[in-house]
């Protein structure tokens, strides 16, 4: 039973730029979150052992916080970080491991996103749609002329 989530996208942007929009909080806040959500807060300490934290809202007043720690940073090729939703009391929920790789394909980027550590296939699948929508927003942000 494979419980890791894997999504590959071909993005029409150089990998240095794709890596930057994953690691710069000003950029990340522009595309982070599934359809209908906006990132209302985004902090990043881009260093191995450094943390990140985001807050998303869909406008109904509810806030959804997530956080993690950078485990590996190899610019512009690879980014590895933990990911956990925060529980209402502010404590982390299930800790998963996200690995994003960026391969140069003649000025475009083949990005592979992998999230591992889910406890079930159902839990993995519950994240698939949100990440696909989030990565759709990333692709749109890159095509929109971010620099």
C-alpha atoms as a PDB file:
ATOM      1  CA  UNK A   1       0.000   0.000   0.000  1.00  0.00           C
ATOM      2  CA  UNK A   2       1.645   3.215  -1.228  1.00  0.00           C
ATOM      3  CA  UNK A   3       0.622   6.118   0.978  1.00  0.00           C
ATOM      4  CA  UNK A   4       2.865   8.796  -0.537  1.00  0.00           C
ATOM      5  CA  UNK A   5       1.336  11.459  -2.767  1.00  0.00           C
ATOM      6  CA  UNK A   6       3.232  12.258  -5.953  1.00  0.00           C
ATOM      7  CA  UNK A   7       2.436  14.950  -8.545  1.00  0.00           C
ATOM      8  CA  UNK A   8       4.614  15.955 -11.512  1.00  0.00           C
ATOM      9  CA  UNK A   9       4.121  19.164 -13.484  1.00  0.00           C
ATOM     10  CA  UNK A  10       5.879  20.752 -16.443  1.00  0.00           C
ATOM     11  CA  UNK A  11       6.055  24.477 -15.712  1.00  0.00           C
ATOM     12  CA  UNK A  12       6.757  27.151 -18.305  1.00  0.00           C
ATOM     13  CA  UNK A  13       9.465  28.903 -16.289  1.00  0.00           C
ATOM     14  CA  UNK A  14      13.171  28.363 -15.572  1.00  0.00           C
ATOM     15  CA  UNK A  15      13.875  26.234 -12.522  1.00  0.00           C
ATOM     16  CA  UNK A  16      15.696  29.062 -10.705  1.00  0.00           C
ATOM     17  CA  UNK A  17      12.458  31.063 -10.781  1.00  0.00           C
ATOM     18  CA  UNK A  18      10.320  28.088  -9.769  1.00  0.00           C
ATOM     19  CA  UNK A  19      12.652  27.413  -6.847  1.00  0.00           C
ATOM     20  CA  UNK A  20      12.454  31.087  -5.837  1.00  0.00           C
ATOM     21  CA  UNK A  21       8.643  31.148  -5.776  1.00  0.00           C
ATOM     22  CA  UNK A  22       8.742  28.134  -3.431  1.00  0.00           C
ATOM     23  CA  UNK A  23      11.237  29.776  -1.077  1.00  0.00           C
ATOM     24  CA  UNK A  24      10.436  33.511  -1.052  1.00  0.00           C
ATOM     25  CA  UNK A  25       7.496  34.331   1.259  1.00  0.00           C
ATOM     26  CA  UNK A  26       6.319  37.236  -0.918  1.00  0.00           C
ATOM     27  CA  UNK A  27       5.994  34.876  -3.885  1.00  0.00           C
ATOM     28  CA  UNK A  28       4.691  31.896  -1.914  1.00  0.00           C
ATOM     29  CA  UNK A  29       1.826  33.964  -0.493  1.00  0.00           C
ATOM     30  CA  UNK A  30       0.612  34.673  -4.041  1.00  0.00           C
ATOM     31  CA  UNK A  31      -0.131  31.051  -4.959  1.00  0.00           C
ATOM     32  CA  UNK A  32      -0.194  28.974  -1.744  1.00  0.00           C
ATOM     33  CA  UNK A  33      -3.490  27.251  -1.060  1.00  0.00           C
ATOM     34  CA  UNK A  34      -6.255  25.463  -2.919  1.00  0.00           C
ATOM     35  CA  UNK A  35      -8.875  27.159  -5.085  1.00  0.00           C
ATOM     36  CA  UNK A  36     -10.809  29.821  -3.182  1.00  0.00           C
ATOM     37  CA  UNK A  37      -8.160  30.247  -0.477  1.00  0.00           C
ATOM     38  CA  UNK A  38      -5.633  33.019   0.046  1.00  0.00           C
ATOM     39  CA  UNK A  39      -2.508  32.990   2.136  1.00  0.00           C
ATOM     40  CA  UNK A  40      -2.981  35.651   4.791  1.00  0.00           C
ATOM     41  CA  UNK A  41       0.369  35.036   6.486  1.00  0.00           C
ATOM     42  CA  UNK A  42       3.593  33.470   5.248  1.00  0.00           C
ATOM     43  CA  UNK A  43       6.941  33.350   7.030  1.00  0.00           C
ATOM     44  CA  UNK A  44      10.054  31.502   5.924  1.00  0.00           C
ATOM     45  CA  UNK A  45      13.487  31.075   7.466  1.00  0.00           C
ATOM     46  CA  UNK A  46      15.211  29.495   4.467  1.00  0.00           C
ATOM     47  CA  UNK A  47      17.954  27.439   6.077  1.00  0.00           C
ATOM     48  CA  UNK A  48      18.295  23.777   6.891  1.00  0.00           C
ATOM     49  CA  UNK A  49      16.681  23.534  10.312  1.00  0.00           C
ATOM     50  CA  UNK A  50      14.794  26.792   9.676  1.00  0.00           C
ATOM     51  CA  UNK A  51      11.047  26.929   9.831  1.00  0.00           C
ATOM     52  CA  UNK A  52       8.152  28.028   7.692  1.00  0.00           C
ATOM     53  CA  UNK A  53       4.548  28.807   8.629  1.00  0.00           C
ATOM     54  CA  UNK A  54       1.510  29.801   6.579  1.00  0.00           C
ATOM     55  CA  UNK A  55      -2.084  30.724   7.243  1.00  0.00           C
ATOM     56  CA  UNK A  56      -4.834  30.253   4.670  1.00  0.00           C
ATOM     57  CA  UNK A  57      -8.391  31.533   4.675  1.00  0.00           C
ATOM     58  CA  UNK A  58     -11.289  31.113   2.280  1.00  0.00           C
ATOM     59  CA  UNK A  59     -12.965  34.296   3.474  1.00  0.00           C
ATOM     60  CA  UNK A  60     -15.373  32.664   5.942  1.00  0.00           C
ATOM     61  CA  UNK A  61     -13.368  33.819   8.951  1.00  0.00           C
ATOM     62  CA  UNK A  62     -11.738  30.442   9.601  1.00  0.00           C
ATOM     63  CA  UNK A  63      -7.941  30.233   9.508  1.00  0.00           C
ATOM     64  CA  UNK A  64      -5.956  27.149   8.552  1.00  0.00           C
ATOM     65  CA  UNK A  65      -2.350  27.183   9.771  1.00  0.00           C
ATOM     66  CA  UNK A  66       0.421  24.875   8.594  1.00  0.00           C
ATOM     67  CA  UNK A  67       4.091  24.757   9.486  1.00  0.00           C
ATOM     68  CA  UNK A  68       7.253  22.793   9.056  1.00  0.00           C
ATOM     69  CA  UNK A  69      11.031  22.680   9.121  1.00  0.00           C
ATOM     70  CA  UNK A  70      13.426  22.705   6.177  1.00  0.00           C
ATOM     71  CA  UNK A  71      15.435  19.489   6.101  1.00  0.00           C
ATOM     72  CA  UNK A  72      17.346  19.939   2.840  1.00  0.00           C
ATOM     73  CA  UNK A  73      17.858  22.905   0.508  1.00  0.00           C
ATOM     74  CA  UNK A  74      19.793  22.421  -2.728  1.00  0.00           C
ATOM     75  CA  UNK A  75      19.092  25.493  -4.874  1.00  0.00           C
ATOM     76  CA  UNK A  76      17.672  25.285  -7.489  1.00  0.00           C
ATOM     77  CA  UNK A  77      17.336  21.482  -7.587  1.00  0.00           C
ATOM     78  CA  UNK A  78      15.661  20.192  -4.447  1.00  0.00           C
ATOM     79  CA  UNK A  79      13.673  21.288  -1.423  1.00  0.00           C
ATOM     80  CA  UNK A  80      12.768  18.969   1.476  1.00  0.00           C
ATOM     81  CA  UNK A  81      10.626  20.087   4.393  1.00  0.00           C
ATOM     82  CA  UNK A  82       8.240  18.760   6.989  1.00  0.00           C
ATOM     83  CA  UNK A  83       4.563  19.697   6.740  1.00  0.00           C
ATOM     84  CA  UNK A  84       1.946  19.617   9.499  1.00  0.00           C
ATOM     85  CA  UNK A  85      -1.423  21.280   9.877  1.00  0.00           C
ATOM     86  CA  UNK A  86      -1.772  23.014  13.221  1.00  0.00           C
ATOM     87  CA  UNK A  87      -4.492  21.719  15.477  1.00  0.00           C
ATOM     88  CA  UNK A  88      -6.876  24.293  17.026  1.00  0.00           C
ATOM     89  CA  UNK A  89      -4.763  24.400  20.205  1.00  0.00           C
ATOM     90  CA  UNK A  90      -1.723  25.390  18.086  1.00  0.00           C
ATOM     91  CA  UNK A  91      -0.002  22.020  18.353  1.00  0.00           C
ATOM     92  CA  UNK A  92       1.108  20.279  15.151  1.00  0.00           C
ATOM     93  CA  UNK A  93      -0.969  17.517  13.636  1.00  0.00           C
ATOM     94  CA  UNK A  94       0.422  14.616  11.617  1.00  0.00           C
ATOM     95  CA  UNK A  95       3.947  15.441  10.438  1.00  0.00           C
ATOM     96  CA  UNK A  96       4.605  14.536   6.791  1.00  0.00           C
ATOM     97  CA  UNK A  97       7.684  15.006   4.625  1.00  0.00           C
ATOM     98  CA  UNK A  98       7.512  16.979   1.376  1.00  0.00           C
ATOM     99  CA  UNK A  99      10.193  16.668  -1.292  1.00  0.00           C
ATOM    100  CA  UNK A 100      10.066  18.956  -4.317  1.00  0.00           C
ATOM    101  CA  UNK A 101      12.558  18.487  -7.141  1.00  0.00           C
ATOM    102  CA  UNK A 102      13.147  20.882 -10.014  1.00  0.00           C
ATOM    103  CA  UNK A 103      14.644  19.579 -13.281  1.00  0.00           C
ATOM    104  CA  UNK A 104      15.679  21.909 -16.110  1.00  0.00           C
ATOM    105  CA  UNK A 105      14.080  20.985 -19.442  1.00  0.00           C
ATOM    106  CA  UNK A 106      15.280  23.522 -22.029  1.00  0.00           C
ATOM    107  CA  UNK A 107      14.210  26.552 -20.012  1.00  0.00           C
ATOM    108  CA  UNK A 108      11.104  24.919 -18.567  1.00  0.00           C
ATOM    109  CA  UNK A 109      10.930  23.084 -15.255  1.00  0.00           C
ATOM    110  CA  UNK A 110       9.768  19.578 -14.534  1.00  0.00           C
ATOM    111  CA  UNK A 111       8.682  19.828 -10.920  1.00  0.00           C
ATOM    112  CA  UNK A 112       7.979  16.686  -8.930  1.00  0.00           C
ATOM    113  CA  UNK A 113       6.118  17.092  -5.652  1.00  0.00           C
ATOM    114  CA  UNK A 114       6.085  14.173  -3.208  1.00  0.00           C
ATOM    115  CA  UNK A 115       4.471  14.104   0.237  1.00  0.00           C
ATOM    116  CA  UNK A 116       5.118  11.020   2.374  1.00  0.00           C
ATOM    117  CA  UNK A 117       4.114   9.912   5.829  1.00  0.00           C
ATOM    118  CA  UNK A 118       0.361   9.621   5.517  1.00  0.00           C
ATOM    119  CA  UNK A 119      -1.192   6.986   7.733  1.00  0.00           C
ATOM    120  CA  UNK A 120      -3.634   5.725   5.076  1.00  0.00           C
ATOM    121  CA  UNK A 121      -4.472   5.872   1.392  1.00  0.00           C
ATOM    122  CA  UNK A 122      -7.634   7.803   2.285  1.00  0.00           C
ATOM    123  CA  UNK A 123      -5.633  10.435   4.129  1.00  0.00           C
ATOM    124  CA  UNK A 124      -3.233  10.730   1.169  1.00  0.00           C
ATOM    125  CA  UNK A 125      -6.113  11.069  -1.271  1.00  0.00           C
ATOM    126  CA  UNK A 126      -7.758  13.782   0.847  1.00  0.00           C
ATOM    127  CA  UNK A 127      -4.691  15.961   0.171  1.00  0.00           C
ATOM    128  CA  UNK A 128      -4.432  15.298  -3.579  1.00  0.00           C
ATOM    129  CA  UNK A 129      -7.104  17.763  -4.751  1.00  0.00           C
ATOM    130  CA  UNK A 130      -5.850  20.608  -2.568  1.00  0.00           C
ATOM    131  CA  UNK A 131      -2.283  20.206  -3.749  1.00  0.00           C
ATOM    132  CA  UNK A 132      -3.359  19.925  -7.398  1.00  0.00           C
ATOM    133  CA  UNK A 133      -5.298  23.189  -7.084  1.00  0.00           C
ATOM    134  CA  UNK A 134      -2.375  24.808  -5.284  1.00  0.00           C
ATOM    135  CA  UNK A 135       0.006  23.740  -8.063  1.00  0.00           C
ATOM    136  CA  UNK A 136      -2.487  25.019 -10.671  1.00  0.00           C
ATOM    137  CA  UNK A 137      -2.226  28.409  -8.942  1.00  0.00           C
ATOM    138  CA  UNK A 138       1.573  28.129  -8.996  1.00  0.00           C
ATOM    139  CA  UNK A 139       1.553  27.465 -12.754  1.00  0.00           C
ATOM    140  CA  UNK A 140      -0.767  30.440 -13.320  1.00  0.00           C
ATOM    141  CA  UNK A 141       1.390  32.683 -11.162  1.00  0.00           C
ATOM    142  CA  UNK A 142       4.487  31.753 -13.168  1.00  0.00           C
ATOM    143  CA  UNK A 143       2.747  32.308 -16.523  1.00  0.00           C
ATOM    144  CA  UNK A 144       1.414  35.647 -15.258  1.00  0.00           C
ATOM    145  CA  UNK A 145       4.893  37.118 -15.548  1.00  0.00           C
ATOM    146  CA  UNK A 146       6.291  36.915 -12.019  1.00  0.00           C
ATOM    147  CA  UNK A 147       9.864  38.173 -11.830  1.00  0.00           C
END
